[in-house]
Amino acid sequence: MQNVNWVALAIFVLFFVVITSSGFAAAKWRKGDLDLLHEWGLGGRRFGAVITWLLLGGDLYTAYTFIAVPALVFGAGAVGFFAVPLAIVAYPIFFLVFPRIWYFCRKHNYITAGDFVRGRFGNRWLALAVTITGIVATMPYLALQLVGLQVVIGALGISGTGFAADLPLIIAFAILAAFTYSSGLRAPASIAIVKDALIYITAFAAVVVILIEFGGFSEIFAAVPSPKLLLATPGPGTTGAYSAYPTLALGSALALFLYPHSLTGILSARSGRAVRQNAALLPGIHWCWACLRFSVSSLSPPGSPTFPNTPTASSSSATTSRFRRSSCTPSHPGS
């Protein structure tokens, strides 16, 4: 606790209190009978286009976007930009397919993907397979959120060993579970307003700061090692990244809105029109993240190895040095 950043910790605690209070107070927002599953799990299917947009944006573009994809771009280079064609493929599918799924689920009062599959195809084993697949696919996603939270807590200067190291995560998870239990989907929908505002401010600030520090996109691309600008040439007898890139983009696009948290946000909309409006508006958020990935790619120093090799100590040192020069952190101690 000797290296605690008290200013950052105070801001963190302030927003934590605001978000926690919003989560518990959400039970009274657009009040309904929370004993009914569609009221608790889907907010009564009464969210308009804006709330649905905030909810989906906050669910889809969080730790995965901030940590996983930029880290892939930083470490592996061009293959990390699979997320750009992902949006080109995913959102037309969203626009064409999911308003019909929403209508079918609304008509028959279905709550989950398993309900939809069971009702539409009449096969309980297929519904079970879809449900289990959704749970299993969400596990690494949840793990990434916890890792991201642990990184944030560590950056505040709070550290420990054993149980003490995990205690902040346990407290945060317990509070999250408590206000979700009491307020249902209204809780994440209400805190999405604060969360999305913080996410977008951070993304824009990161892009602007990195652009200023490096002198524009031309300098950014000039700073990227040439091996990372293009997909690595496959070795003999393999297609390498040439097959990994399109299959990763296509598979991710097909799965993006089938995650349980994504489909829940879609089914909470009050109309098929609200779903279509979100299909039109969400790509704008994706464009912001594309800019962030372009900027992050410039932080990789020349000569650093490409994925899947492990960076050497010298390249890691150069990366740290360069990142510090571009992060606008004060150079004098105690700031």
C-alpha atoms as a PDB file:
ATOM      1  CA  MET A   1       0.000   0.000   0.000  1.00  0.00           C
ATOM      2  CA  GLN A   2       3.068   2.277   0.044  1.00  0.00           C
ATOM      3  CA  ASN A   3       2.796   3.035  -3.681  1.00  0.00           C
ATOM      4  CA  VAL A   4      -0.922   3.831  -3.723  1.00  0.00           C
ATOM      5  CA  ASN A   5      -1.954   6.553  -6.155  1.00  0.00           C
ATOM      6  CA  TRP A   6      -4.367   8.327  -3.828  1.00  0.00           C
ATOM      7  CA  VAL A   7      -5.817  10.631  -6.479  1.00  0.00           C
ATOM      8  CA  ALA A   8      -6.602   7.740  -8.812  1.00  0.00           C
ATOM      9  CA  LEU A   9      -7.904   5.672  -5.895  1.00  0.00           C
ATOM     10  CA  ALA A  10     -10.242   8.484  -4.804  1.00  0.00           C
ATOM     11  CA  ILE A  11     -11.645   8.820  -8.334  1.00  0.00           C
ATOM     12  CA  PHE A  12     -12.035   5.041  -8.566  1.00  0.00           C
ATOM     13  CA  VAL A  13     -13.916   4.882  -5.249  1.00  0.00           C
ATOM     14  CA  LEU A  14     -16.134   7.815  -6.271  1.00  0.00           C
ATOM     15  CA  PHE A  15     -17.234   6.159  -9.509  1.00  0.00           C
ATOM     16  CA  PHE A  16     -17.551   2.792  -7.770  1.00  0.00           C
ATOM     17  CA  VAL A  17     -19.989   4.314  -5.267  1.00  0.00           C
ATOM     18  CA  VAL A  18     -21.935   6.111  -8.030  1.00  0.00           C
ATOM     19  CA  ILE A  19     -22.236   2.962 -10.147  1.00  0.00           C
ATOM     20  CA  THR A  20     -23.121   0.752  -7.176  1.00  0.00           C
ATOM     21  CA  SER A  21     -25.823   3.197  -6.052  1.00  0.00           C
ATOM     22  CA  SER A  22     -27.195   3.333  -9.605  1.00  0.00           C
ATOM     23  CA  GLY A  23     -27.309  -0.446  -9.716  1.00  0.00           C
ATOM     24  CA  PHE A  24     -29.384  -0.774  -6.545  1.00  0.00           C
ATOM     25  CA  ALA A  25     -31.611   2.203  -7.404  1.00  0.00           C
ATOM     26  CA  ALA A  26     -32.350   0.745 -10.854  1.00  0.00           C
ATOM     27  CA  ALA A  27     -35.001  -1.535  -9.351  1.00  0.00           C
ATOM     28  CA  LYS A  28     -37.298   1.520  -9.204  1.00  0.00           C
ATOM     29  CA  TRP A  29     -36.498   2.665 -12.756  1.00  0.00           C
ATOM     30  CA  ARG A  30     -39.401   1.918 -15.124  1.00  0.00           C
ATOM     31  CA  LYS A  31     -40.798  -0.046 -12.240  1.00  0.00           C
ATOM     32  CA  GLY A  32     -42.241  -3.461 -12.944  1.00  0.00           C
ATOM     33  CA  ASP A  33     -42.896  -6.722 -11.168  1.00  0.00           C
ATOM     34  CA  LEU A  34     -39.397  -8.189 -10.854  1.00  0.00           C
ATOM     35  CA  ASP A  35     -40.883 -11.541  -9.891  1.00  0.00           C
ATOM     36  CA  LEU A  36     -41.739 -11.913 -13.590  1.00  0.00           C
ATOM     37  CA  LEU A  37     -38.777 -13.335 -15.501  1.00  0.00           C
ATOM     38  CA  HIS A  38     -39.122 -11.042 -18.516  1.00  0.00           C
ATOM     39  CA  GLU A  39     -39.239  -8.008 -16.205  1.00  0.00           C
ATOM     40  CA  TRP A  40     -36.162  -9.089 -14.265  1.00  0.00           C
ATOM     41  CA  GLY A  41     -34.130 -10.558 -17.123  1.00  0.00           C
ATOM     42  CA  LEU A  42     -35.126  -8.278 -20.024  1.00  0.00           C
ATOM     43  CA  GLY A  43     -36.233  -5.059 -18.323  1.00  0.00           C
ATOM     44  CA  GLY A  44     -39.798  -5.746 -19.374  1.00  0.00           C
ATOM     45  CA  ARG A  45     -38.705  -5.453 -23.047  1.00  0.00           C
ATOM     46  CA  ARG A  46     -39.177  -1.679 -22.738  1.00  0.00           C
ATOM     47  CA  PHE A  47     -35.765  -0.246 -23.591  1.00  0.00           C
ATOM     48  CA  GLY A  48     -35.708   2.244 -26.441  1.00  0.00           C
ATOM     49  CA  ALA A  49     -33.027   2.649 -29.094  1.00  0.00           C
ATOM     50  CA  VAL A  50     -30.754   4.845 -26.945  1.00  0.00           C
ATOM     51  CA  ILE A  51     -30.789   2.640 -23.831  1.00  0.00           C
ATOM     52  CA  THR A  52     -30.356  -0.474 -25.970  1.00  0.00           C
ATOM     53  CA  TRP A  53     -27.444   1.212 -27.748  1.00  0.00           C
ATOM     54  CA  LEU A  54     -25.789   2.066 -24.421  1.00  0.00           C
ATOM     55  CA  LEU A  55     -26.427  -1.418 -23.051  1.00  0.00           C
ATOM     56  CA  LEU A  56     -25.086  -3.242 -26.115  1.00  0.00           C
ATOM     57  CA  GLY A  57     -22.174  -0.831 -26.484  1.00  0.00           C
ATOM     58  CA  GLY A  58     -21.173  -1.334 -22.874  1.00  0.00           C
ATOM     59  CA  ASP A  59     -21.550  -5.117 -23.117  1.00  0.00           C
ATOM     60  CA  LEU A  60     -19.698  -5.587 -26.400  1.00  0.00           C
ATOM     61  CA  TYR A  61     -16.940  -3.004 -26.101  1.00  0.00           C
ATOM     62  CA  THR A  62     -15.330  -3.370 -22.685  1.00  0.00           C
ATOM     63  CA  ALA A  63     -12.252  -5.247 -21.461  1.00  0.00           C
ATOM     64  CA  TYR A  64     -12.124  -7.333 -24.646  1.00  0.00           C
ATOM     65  CA  THR A  65     -11.809  -4.181 -26.715  1.00  0.00           C
ATOM     66  CA  PHE A  66      -9.563  -2.291 -24.331  1.00  0.00           C
ATOM     67  CA  ILE A  67      -7.210  -5.135 -23.424  1.00  0.00           C
ATOM     68  CA  ALA A  68      -7.427  -8.207 -25.631  1.00  0.00           C
ATOM     69  CA  VAL A  69      -7.613  -6.803 -29.176  1.00  0.00           C
ATOM     70  CA  PRO A  70      -5.142  -3.910 -28.673  1.00  0.00           C
ATOM     71  CA  ALA A  71      -2.774  -6.391 -27.008  1.00  0.00           C
ATOM     72  CA  LEU A  72      -3.083  -8.651 -30.049  1.00  0.00           C
ATOM     73  CA  VAL A  73      -2.336  -5.713 -32.361  1.00  0.00           C
ATOM     74  CA  PHE A  74       0.603  -4.702 -30.177  1.00  0.00           C
ATOM     75  CA  GLY A  75       2.065  -8.206 -30.032  1.00  0.00           C
ATOM     76  CA  ALA A  76       1.119  -9.717 -33.376  1.00  0.00           C
ATOM     77  CA  GLY A  77       0.513  -6.785 -35.700  1.00  0.00           C
ATOM     78  CA  ALA A  78      -1.786  -6.960 -38.706  1.00  0.00           C
ATOM     79  CA  VAL A  79      -3.671 -10.095 -37.681  1.00  0.00           C
ATOM     80  CA  GLY A  80      -5.190  -8.102 -34.816  1.00  0.00           C
ATOM     81  CA  PHE A  81      -7.158  -6.043 -37.319  1.00  0.00           C
ATOM     82  CA  PHE A  82      -9.522  -8.961 -37.896  1.00  0.00           C
ATOM     83  CA  ALA A  83     -11.897  -6.858 -35.772  1.00  0.00           C
ATOM     84  CA  VAL A  84     -12.366  -4.385 -38.649  1.00  0.00           C
ATOM     85  CA  PRO A  85     -13.861  -6.846 -41.202  1.00  0.00           C
ATOM     86  CA  LEU A  86     -15.642  -8.433 -38.242  1.00  0.00           C
ATOM     87  CA  ALA A  87     -17.837  -5.323 -38.036  1.00  0.00           C
ATOM     88  CA  ILE A  88     -18.344  -5.225 -41.804  1.00  0.00           C
ATOM     89  CA  VAL A  89     -19.761  -8.755 -41.667  1.00  0.00           C
ATOM     90  CA  ALA A  90     -21.479  -8.718 -38.253  1.00  0.00           C
ATOM     91  CA  TYR A  91     -23.664  -5.625 -38.498  1.00  0.00           C
ATOM     92  CA  PRO A  92     -25.439  -6.456 -41.771  1.00  0.00           C
ATOM     93  CA  ILE A  93     -26.259  -9.849 -40.219  1.00  0.00           C
ATOM     94  CA  PHE A  94     -27.491  -8.019 -37.129  1.00  0.00           C
ATOM     95  CA  PHE A  95     -29.652  -5.707 -39.234  1.00  0.00           C
ATOM     96  CA  LEU A  96     -31.229  -8.471 -41.326  1.00  0.00           C
ATOM     97  CA  VAL A  97     -31.580 -11.362 -38.876  1.00  0.00           C
ATOM     98  CA  PHE A  98     -32.006 -10.133 -35.321  1.00  0.00           C
ATOM     99  CA  PRO A  99     -35.128  -7.976 -35.730  1.00  0.00           C
ATOM    100  CA  ARG A 100     -36.893 -11.176 -36.844  1.00  0.00           C
ATOM    101  CA  ILE A 101     -35.479 -13.089 -33.882  1.00  0.00           C
ATOM    102  CA  TRP A 102     -36.625 -10.269 -31.586  1.00  0.00           C
ATOM    103  CA  TYR A 103     -40.153 -10.405 -33.049  1.00  0.00           C
ATOM    104  CA  PHE A 104     -40.370 -14.194 -32.695  1.00  0.00           C
ATOM    105  CA  CYS A 105     -39.151 -14.081 -29.082  1.00  0.00           C
ATOM    106  CA  ARG A 106     -41.495 -11.219 -28.213  1.00  0.00           C
ATOM    107  CA  LYS A 107     -44.464 -13.012 -29.745  1.00  0.00           C
ATOM    108  CA  HIS A 108     -43.830 -16.230 -27.810  1.00  0.00           C
ATOM    109  CA  ASN A 109     -42.349 -14.595 -24.670  1.00  0.00           C
ATOM    110  CA  TYR A 110     -38.949 -16.268 -25.064  1.00  0.00           C
ATOM    111  CA  ILE A 111     -36.190 -15.039 -22.759  1.00  0.00           C
ATOM    112  CA  THR A 112     -33.000 -16.810 -23.872  1.00  0.00           C
ATOM    113  CA  ALA A 113     -31.391 -18.284 -26.968  1.00  0.00           C
ATOM    114  CA  GLY A 114     -32.245 -21.743 -25.644  1.00  0.00           C
ATOM    115  CA  ASP A 115     -35.928 -20.780 -25.473  1.00  0.00           C
ATOM    116  CA  PHE A 116     -35.824 -19.541 -29.054  1.00  0.00           C
ATOM    117  CA  VAL A 117     -34.131 -22.680 -30.392  1.00  0.00           C
ATOM    118  CA  ARG A 118     -36.489 -24.974 -28.466  1.00  0.00           C
ATOM    119  CA  GLY A 119     -39.562 -23.105 -29.733  1.00  0.00           C
ATOM    120  CA  ARG A 120     -38.388 -22.592 -33.310  1.00  0.00           C
ATOM    121  CA  PHE A 121     -36.936 -26.036 -34.018  1.00  0.00           C
ATOM    122  CA  GLY A 122     -38.700 -28.164 -31.413  1.00  0.00           C
ATOM    123  CA  ASN A 123     -35.507 -29.920 -30.323  1.00  0.00           C
ATOM    124  CA  ARG A 124     -34.629 -29.783 -26.644  1.00  0.00           C
ATOM    125  CA  TRP A 125     -31.174 -31.314 -27.180  1.00  0.00           C
ATOM    126  CA  LEU A 126     -30.278 -28.615 -29.682  1.00  0.00           C
ATOM    127  CA  ALA A 127     -31.546 -26.017 -27.212  1.00  0.00           C
ATOM    128  CA  LEU A 128     -29.393 -27.605 -24.492  1.00  0.00           C
ATOM    129  CA  ALA A 129     -26.352 -27.572 -26.790  1.00  0.00           C
ATOM    130  CA  VAL A 130     -26.891 -23.885 -27.599  1.00  0.00           C
ATOM    131  CA  THR A 131     -27.272 -23.048 -23.907  1.00  0.00           C
ATOM    132  CA  ILE A 132     -24.131 -24.925 -22.872  1.00  0.00           C
ATOM    133  CA  THR A 133     -22.173 -23.396 -25.757  1.00  0.00           C
ATOM    134  CA  GLY A 134     -23.230 -19.915 -24.644  1.00  0.00           C
ATOM    135  CA  ILE A 135     -22.134 -20.571 -21.065  1.00  0.00           C
ATOM    136  CA  VAL A 136     -18.782 -22.070 -22.085  1.00  0.00           C
ATOM    137  CA  ALA A 137     -18.092 -19.287 -24.593  1.00  0.00           C
ATOM    138  CA  THR A 138     -18.814 -16.652 -21.958  1.00  0.00           C
ATOM    139  CA  MET A 139     -16.369 -18.101 -19.407  1.00  0.00           C
ATOM    140  CA  PRO A 140     -13.164 -16.728 -20.993  1.00  0.00           C
ATOM    141  CA  TYR A 141     -15.011 -13.456 -21.603  1.00  0.00           C
ATOM    142  CA  LEU A 142     -15.795 -13.201 -17.885  1.00  0.00           C
ATOM    143  CA  ALA A 143     -12.231 -14.186 -17.018  1.00  0.00           C
ATOM    144  CA  LEU A 144     -10.963 -11.338 -19.173  1.00  0.00           C
ATOM    145  CA  GLN A 145     -13.211  -8.867 -17.319  1.00  0.00           C
ATOM    146  CA  LEU A 146     -11.779 -10.067 -14.000  1.00  0.00           C
ATOM    147  CA  VAL A 147      -8.210  -9.840 -15.299  1.00  0.00           C
ATOM    148  CA  GLY A 148      -8.914  -6.308 -16.507  1.00  0.00           C
ATOM    149  CA  LEU A 149     -10.329  -5.351 -13.110  1.00  0.00           C
ATOM    150  CA  GLN A 150      -7.313  -6.859 -11.390  1.00  0.00           C
ATOM    151  CA  VAL A 151      -4.985  -4.825 -13.636  1.00  0.00           C
ATOM    152  CA  VAL A 152      -6.891  -1.638 -12.786  1.00  0.00           C
ATOM    153  CA  ILE A 153      -6.736  -2.347  -9.049  1.00  0.00           C
ATOM    154  CA  GLY A 154      -3.016  -3.113  -9.337  1.00  0.00           C
ATOM    155  CA  ALA A 155      -2.455   0.163 -11.218  1.00  0.00           C
ATOM    156  CA  LEU A 156      -3.978   2.002  -8.239  1.00  0.00           C
ATOM    157  CA  GLY A 157      -1.143   0.621  -6.111  1.00  0.00           C
ATOM    158  CA  ILE A 158      -3.249  -1.911  -4.242  1.00  0.00           C
ATOM    159  CA  SER A 159      -1.452  -5.227  -4.092  1.00  0.00           C
ATOM    160  CA  GLY A 160      -1.105  -8.265  -1.918  1.00  0.00           C
ATOM    161  CA  THR A 161      -0.552 -12.006  -1.903  1.00  0.00           C
ATOM    162  CA  GLY A 162      -2.869 -14.953  -1.560  1.00  0.00           C
ATOM    163  CA  PHE A 163      -6.367 -14.154  -0.364  1.00  0.00           C
ATOM    164  CA  ALA A 164      -5.544 -10.456   0.091  1.00  0.00           C
ATOM    165  CA  ALA A 165      -4.759 -10.161  -3.627  1.00  0.00           C
ATOM    166  CA  ASP A 166      -8.145 -11.593  -4.582  1.00  0.00           C
ATOM    167  CA  LEU A 167     -10.187  -9.778  -1.920  1.00  0.00           C
ATOM    168  CA  PRO A 168     -10.934  -6.648  -4.052  1.00  0.00           C
ATOM    169  CA  LEU A 169     -12.213  -8.900  -6.868  1.00  0.00           C
ATOM    170  CA  ILE A 170     -14.391 -10.855  -4.452  1.00  0.00           C
ATOM    171  CA  ILE A 171     -15.886  -7.637  -3.021  1.00  0.00           C
ATOM    172  CA  ALA A 172     -16.557  -6.210  -6.499  1.00  0.00           C
ATOM    173  CA  PHE A 173     -18.140  -9.466  -7.694  1.00  0.00           C
ATOM    174  CA  ALA A 174     -20.318  -9.731  -4.569  1.00  0.00           C
ATOM    175  CA  ILE A 175     -21.627  -6.172  -5.006  1.00  0.00           C
ATOM    176  CA  LEU A 176     -22.252  -6.772  -8.710  1.00  0.00           C
ATOM    177  CA  ALA A 177     -24.153  -9.970  -7.938  1.00  0.00           C
ATOM    178  CA  ALA A 178     -26.182  -8.203  -5.239  1.00  0.00           C
ATOM    179  CA  PHE A 179     -27.471  -5.326  -7.349  1.00  0.00           C
ATOM    180  CA  THR A 180     -28.042  -7.602 -10.345  1.00  0.00           C
ATOM    181  CA  TYR A 181     -30.129  -9.897  -8.147  1.00  0.00           C
ATOM    182  CA  SER A 182     -32.157  -6.993  -6.780  1.00  0.00           C
ATOM    183  CA  SER A 183     -32.607  -5.000 -10.010  1.00  0.00           C
ATOM    184  CA  GLY A 184     -32.199  -7.490 -12.864  1.00  0.00           C
ATOM    185  CA  LEU A 185     -31.231  -6.133 -16.282  1.00  0.00           C
ATOM    186  CA  ARG A 186     -32.234  -2.634 -15.203  1.00  0.00           C
ATOM    187  CA  ALA A 187     -29.003  -2.478 -13.192  1.00  0.00           C
ATOM    188  CA  PRO A 188     -26.537  -2.906 -16.105  1.00  0.00           C
ATOM    189  CA  ALA A 189     -28.787  -0.727 -18.270  1.00  0.00           C
ATOM    190  CA  SER A 190     -28.656   2.143 -15.771  1.00  0.00           C
ATOM    191  CA  ILE A 191     -24.930   1.954 -15.097  1.00  0.00           C
ATOM    192  CA  ALA A 192     -24.286   1.653 -18.852  1.00  0.00           C
ATOM    193  CA  ILE A 193     -24.806   5.415 -19.099  1.00  0.00           C
ATOM    194  CA  VAL A 194     -21.861   6.135 -16.782  1.00  0.00           C
ATOM    195  CA  LYS A 195     -19.786   3.224 -18.033  1.00  0.00           C
ATOM    196  CA  ASP A 196     -20.159   4.066 -21.714  1.00  0.00           C
ATOM    197  CA  ALA A 197     -19.346   7.729 -21.100  1.00  0.00           C
ATOM    198  CA  LEU A 198     -16.113   6.706 -19.357  1.00  0.00           C
ATOM    199  CA  ILE A 199     -15.250   4.236 -22.106  1.00  0.00           C
ATOM    200  CA  TYR A 200     -15.739   6.734 -24.927  1.00  0.00           C
ATOM    201  CA  ILE A 201     -13.860   9.515 -23.126  1.00  0.00           C
ATOM    202  CA  THR A 202     -10.959   7.134 -22.498  1.00  0.00           C
ATOM    203  CA  ALA A 203     -10.896   5.932 -26.095  1.00  0.00           C
ATOM    204  CA  PHE A 204     -10.970   9.434 -27.576  1.00  0.00           C
ATOM    205  CA  ALA A 205      -8.391  10.677 -25.075  1.00  0.00           C
ATOM    206  CA  ALA A 206      -6.055   7.782 -25.842  1.00  0.00           C
ATOM    207  CA  VAL A 207      -6.325   8.333 -29.583  1.00  0.00           C
ATOM    208  CA  VAL A 208      -5.827  12.107 -29.287  1.00  0.00           C
ATOM    209  CA  VAL A 209      -2.904  11.825 -26.859  1.00  0.00           C
ATOM    210  CA  ILE A 210      -1.122   9.210 -28.964  1.00  0.00           C
ATOM    211  CA  LEU A 211      -1.698  11.222 -32.150  1.00  0.00           C
ATOM    212  CA  ILE A 212      -0.289  14.355 -30.519  1.00  0.00           C
ATOM    213  CA  GLU A 213       2.706  12.533 -29.073  1.00  0.00           C
ATOM    214  CA  PHE A 214       3.581  10.828 -32.370  1.00  0.00           C
ATOM    215  CA  GLY A 215       2.636  13.685 -34.689  1.00  0.00           C
ATOM    216  CA  GLY A 216      -0.222  12.128 -36.647  1.00  0.00           C
ATOM    217  CA  PHE A 217      -1.134   8.879 -38.353  1.00  0.00           C
ATOM    218  CA  SER A 218       1.745   9.110 -40.831  1.00  0.00           C
ATOM    219  CA  GLU A 219       4.234   9.062 -37.968  1.00  0.00           C
ATOM    220  CA  ILE A 220       2.317   6.291 -36.265  1.00  0.00           C
ATOM    221  CA  PHE A 221       2.522   4.021 -39.301  1.00  0.00           C
ATOM    222  CA  ALA A 222       6.166   4.943 -39.786  1.00  0.00           C
ATOM    223  CA  ALA A 223       6.828   3.769 -36.219  1.00  0.00           C
ATOM    224  CA  VAL A 224       5.242   0.355 -36.771  1.00  0.00           C
ATOM    225  CA  PRO A 225       7.793  -2.363 -37.618  1.00  0.00           C
ATOM    226  CA  SER A 226       7.356  -3.402 -41.242  1.00  0.00           C
ATOM    227  CA  PRO A 227       6.808  -7.127 -40.396  1.00  0.00           C
ATOM    228  CA  LYS A 228       3.705  -6.115 -38.434  1.00  0.00           C
ATOM    229  CA  LEU A 229       2.115  -4.081 -41.212  1.00  0.00           C
ATOM    230  CA  LEU A 230       1.196  -7.186 -43.220  1.00  0.00           C
ATOM    231  CA  LEU A 231       0.197 -10.725 -42.384  1.00  0.00           C
ATOM    232  CA  ALA A 232       3.164 -13.031 -41.910  1.00  0.00           C
ATOM    233  CA  THR A 233       4.017 -15.137 -44.941  1.00  0.00           C
ATOM    234  CA  PRO A 234       2.956 -18.760 -44.281  1.00  0.00           C
ATOM    235  CA  GLY A 235       5.565 -21.447 -44.029  1.00  0.00           C
ATOM    236  CA  PRO A 236       5.766 -24.456 -46.358  1.00  0.00           C
ATOM    237  CA  GLY A 237       2.688 -26.660 -46.301  1.00  0.00           C
ATOM    238  CA  THR A 238       0.529 -24.257 -44.286  1.00  0.00           C
ATOM    239  CA  THR A 239      -1.714 -21.293 -44.928  1.00  0.00           C
ATOM    240  CA  GLY A 240      -0.723 -19.688 -41.613  1.00  0.00           C
ATOM    241  CA  ALA A 241      -2.174 -16.249 -40.977  1.00  0.00           C
ATOM    242  CA  TYR A 242      -3.743 -16.202 -44.469  1.00  0.00           C
ATOM    243  CA  SER A 243      -6.406 -18.623 -43.241  1.00  0.00           C
ATOM    244  CA  ALA A 244      -6.398 -17.588 -39.571  1.00  0.00           C
ATOM    245  CA  TYR A 245      -7.280 -13.966 -40.383  1.00  0.00           C
ATOM    246  CA  PRO A 246     -10.468 -14.506 -42.464  1.00  0.00           C
ATOM    247  CA  THR A 247     -11.742 -17.406 -40.358  1.00  0.00           C
ATOM    248  CA  LEU A 248     -11.176 -15.455 -37.151  1.00  0.00           C
ATOM    249  CA  ALA A 249     -13.047 -12.462 -38.585  1.00  0.00           C
ATOM    250  CA  LEU A 250     -15.925 -14.550 -39.972  1.00  0.00           C
ATOM    251  CA  GLY A 251     -16.294 -16.769 -36.911  1.00  0.00           C
ATOM    252  CA  SER A 252     -16.228 -13.797 -34.559  1.00  0.00           C
ATOM    253  CA  ALA A 253     -18.791 -11.942 -36.684  1.00  0.00           C
ATOM    254  CA  LEU A 254     -21.196 -14.882 -36.649  1.00  0.00           C
ATOM    255  CA  ALA A 255     -20.813 -15.306 -32.882  1.00  0.00           C
ATOM    256  CA  LEU A 256     -20.769 -11.662 -31.770  1.00  0.00           C
ATOM    257  CA  PHE A 257     -24.489 -11.248 -31.147  1.00  0.00           C
ATOM    258  CA  LEU A 258     -25.062 -14.828 -30.032  1.00  0.00           C
ATOM    259  CA  TYR A 259     -23.246 -14.372 -26.743  1.00  0.00           C
ATOM    260  CA  PRO A 260     -25.818 -14.528 -23.939  1.00  0.00           C
ATOM    261  CA  HIS A 261     -25.141 -10.948 -22.797  1.00  0.00           C
ATOM    262  CA  SER A 262     -25.463  -9.654 -26.389  1.00  0.00           C
ATOM    263  CA  LEU A 263     -28.722 -11.456 -27.114  1.00  0.00           C
ATOM    264  CA  THR A 264     -30.172 -10.342 -23.784  1.00  0.00           C
ATOM    265  CA  GLY A 265     -29.519  -6.715 -24.727  1.00  0.00           C
ATOM    266  CA  ILE A 266     -31.196  -7.220 -28.109  1.00  0.00           C
ATOM    267  CA  LEU A 267     -34.276  -8.925 -26.663  1.00  0.00           C
ATOM    268  CA  SER A 268     -34.686  -6.122 -24.117  1.00  0.00           C
ATOM    269  CA  ALA A 269     -35.476  -3.631 -26.915  1.00  0.00           C
ATOM    270  CA  ARG A 270     -39.069  -2.464 -27.143  1.00  0.00           C
ATOM    271  CA  SER A 271     -39.382  -2.839 -30.911  1.00  0.00           C
ATOM    272  CA  GLY A 272     -37.777  -4.332 -33.988  1.00  0.00           C
ATOM    273  CA  ARG A 273     -37.118  -0.783 -35.166  1.00  0.00           C
ATOM    274  CA  ALA A 274     -34.952  -0.135 -32.095  1.00  0.00           C
ATOM    275  CA  VAL A 275     -32.946  -3.249 -32.980  1.00  0.00           C
ATOM    276  CA  ARG A 276     -32.420  -2.036 -36.560  1.00  0.00           C
ATOM    277  CA  GLN A 277     -31.420   1.428 -35.325  1.00  0.00           C
ATOM    278  CA  ASN A 278     -28.765  -0.171 -33.157  1.00  0.00           C
ATOM    279  CA  ALA A 279     -27.486  -2.164 -36.107  1.00  0.00           C
ATOM    280  CA  ALA A 280     -26.999   1.172 -37.883  1.00  0.00           C
ATOM    281  CA  LEU A 281     -25.470   3.075 -34.942  1.00  0.00           C
ATOM    282  CA  LEU A 282     -23.159   0.546 -33.275  1.00  0.00           C
ATOM    283  CA  PRO A 283     -20.627   0.479 -36.164  1.00  0.00           C
ATOM    284  CA  GLY A 284     -19.791   4.079 -35.224  1.00  0.00           C
ATOM    285  CA  ILE A 285     -18.474   2.816 -31.895  1.00  0.00           C
ATOM    286  CA  HIS A 286     -16.525   0.128 -33.716  1.00  0.00           C
ATOM    287  CA  TRP A 287     -14.832   2.803 -35.798  1.00  0.00           C
ATOM    288  CA  CYS A 288     -13.599   4.500 -32.597  1.00  0.00           C
ATOM    289  CA  TRP A 289     -12.009   1.262 -31.465  1.00  0.00           C
ATOM    290  CA  ALA A 290     -10.375   0.823 -34.879  1.00  0.00           C
ATOM    291  CA  CYS A 291      -8.686   4.205 -34.385  1.00  0.00           C
ATOM    292  CA  LEU A 292      -7.531   3.074 -30.947  1.00  0.00           C
ATOM    293  CA  ARG A 293      -5.997  -0.083 -32.415  1.00  0.00           C
ATOM    294  CA  PHE A 294      -4.190   1.910 -35.101  1.00  0.00           C
ATOM    295  CA  SER A 295      -2.733   4.114 -32.375  1.00  0.00           C
ATOM    296  CA  VAL A 296      -1.754   1.218 -30.115  1.00  0.00           C
ATOM    297  CA  SER A 297       0.076  -0.498 -32.974  1.00  0.00           C
ATOM    298  CA  SER A 298       2.576   2.376 -33.034  1.00  0.00           C
ATOM    299  CA  LEU A 299       3.734   1.622 -29.492  1.00  0.00           C
ATOM    300  CA  SER A 300       5.485  -1.552 -30.629  1.00  0.00           C
ATOM    301  CA  PRO A 301       9.206  -0.858 -31.057  1.00  0.00           C
ATOM    302  CA  PRO A 302      11.149  -1.698 -34.232  1.00  0.00           C
ATOM    303  CA  GLY A 303      12.654  -5.145 -34.137  1.00  0.00           C
ATOM    304  CA  SER A 304      10.164  -6.669 -31.744  1.00  0.00           C
ATOM    305  CA  PRO A 305       9.215 -10.219 -32.754  1.00  0.00           C
ATOM    306  CA  THR A 306       5.913 -11.198 -34.286  1.00  0.00           C
ATOM    307  CA  PHE A 307       3.338 -13.512 -32.752  1.00  0.00           C
ATOM    308  CA  PRO A 308       3.610 -16.226 -31.533  1.00  0.00           C
ATOM    309  CA  ASN A 309       7.218 -15.626 -30.440  1.00  0.00           C
ATOM    310  CA  THR A 310       7.845 -14.293 -26.969  1.00  0.00           C
ATOM    311  CA  PRO A 311       9.387 -10.815 -26.746  1.00  0.00           C
ATOM    312  CA  THR A 312      12.938 -10.672 -25.504  1.00  0.00           C
ATOM    313  CA  ALA A 313      13.975  -8.671 -22.480  1.00  0.00           C
ATOM    314  CA  SER A 314      15.514  -5.956 -24.620  1.00  0.00           C
ATOM    315  CA  SER A 315      12.395  -5.509 -26.757  1.00  0.00           C
ATOM    316  CA  SER A 316      10.216  -5.438 -23.639  1.00  0.00           C
ATOM    317  CA  SER A 317      12.447  -2.748 -22.182  1.00  0.00           C
ATOM    318  CA  ALA A 318      12.226  -0.714 -25.376  1.00  0.00           C
ATOM    319  CA  THR A 319       8.456  -1.084 -25.393  1.00  0.00           C
ATOM    320  CA  THR A 320       8.197   0.169 -21.820  1.00  0.00           C
ATOM    321  CA  SER A 321      10.506   3.088 -22.522  1.00  0.00           C
ATOM    322  CA  ARG A 322       8.615   4.155 -25.604  1.00  0.00           C
ATOM    323  CA  PHE A 323       5.232   3.789 -23.956  1.00  0.00           C
ATOM    324  CA  ARG A 324       6.339   6.002 -21.083  1.00  0.00           C
ATOM    325  CA  ARG A 325       7.431   8.684 -23.513  1.00  0.00           C
ATOM    326  CA  SER A 326       4.022   8.606 -25.209  1.00  0.00           C
ATOM    327  CA  SER A 327       1.767   8.366 -22.163  1.00  0.00           C
ATOM    328  CA  CYS A 328       2.134  11.941 -20.850  1.00  0.00           C
ATOM    329  CA  THR A 329       2.815  10.758 -17.297  1.00  0.00           C
ATOM    330  CA  PRO A 330       4.681  13.284 -15.113  1.00  0.00           C
ATOM    331  CA  SER A 331       8.407  12.605 -14.931  1.00  0.00           C
ATOM    332  CA  HIS A 332       8.945  13.946 -11.398  1.00  0.00           C
ATOM    333  CA  PRO A 333       8.203  11.688  -8.423  1.00  0.00           C
ATOM    334  CA  GLY A 334       5.205  12.191  -6.194  1.00  0.00           C
ATOM    335  CA  SER A 335       2.972  13.621  -8.957  1.00  0.00           C
END
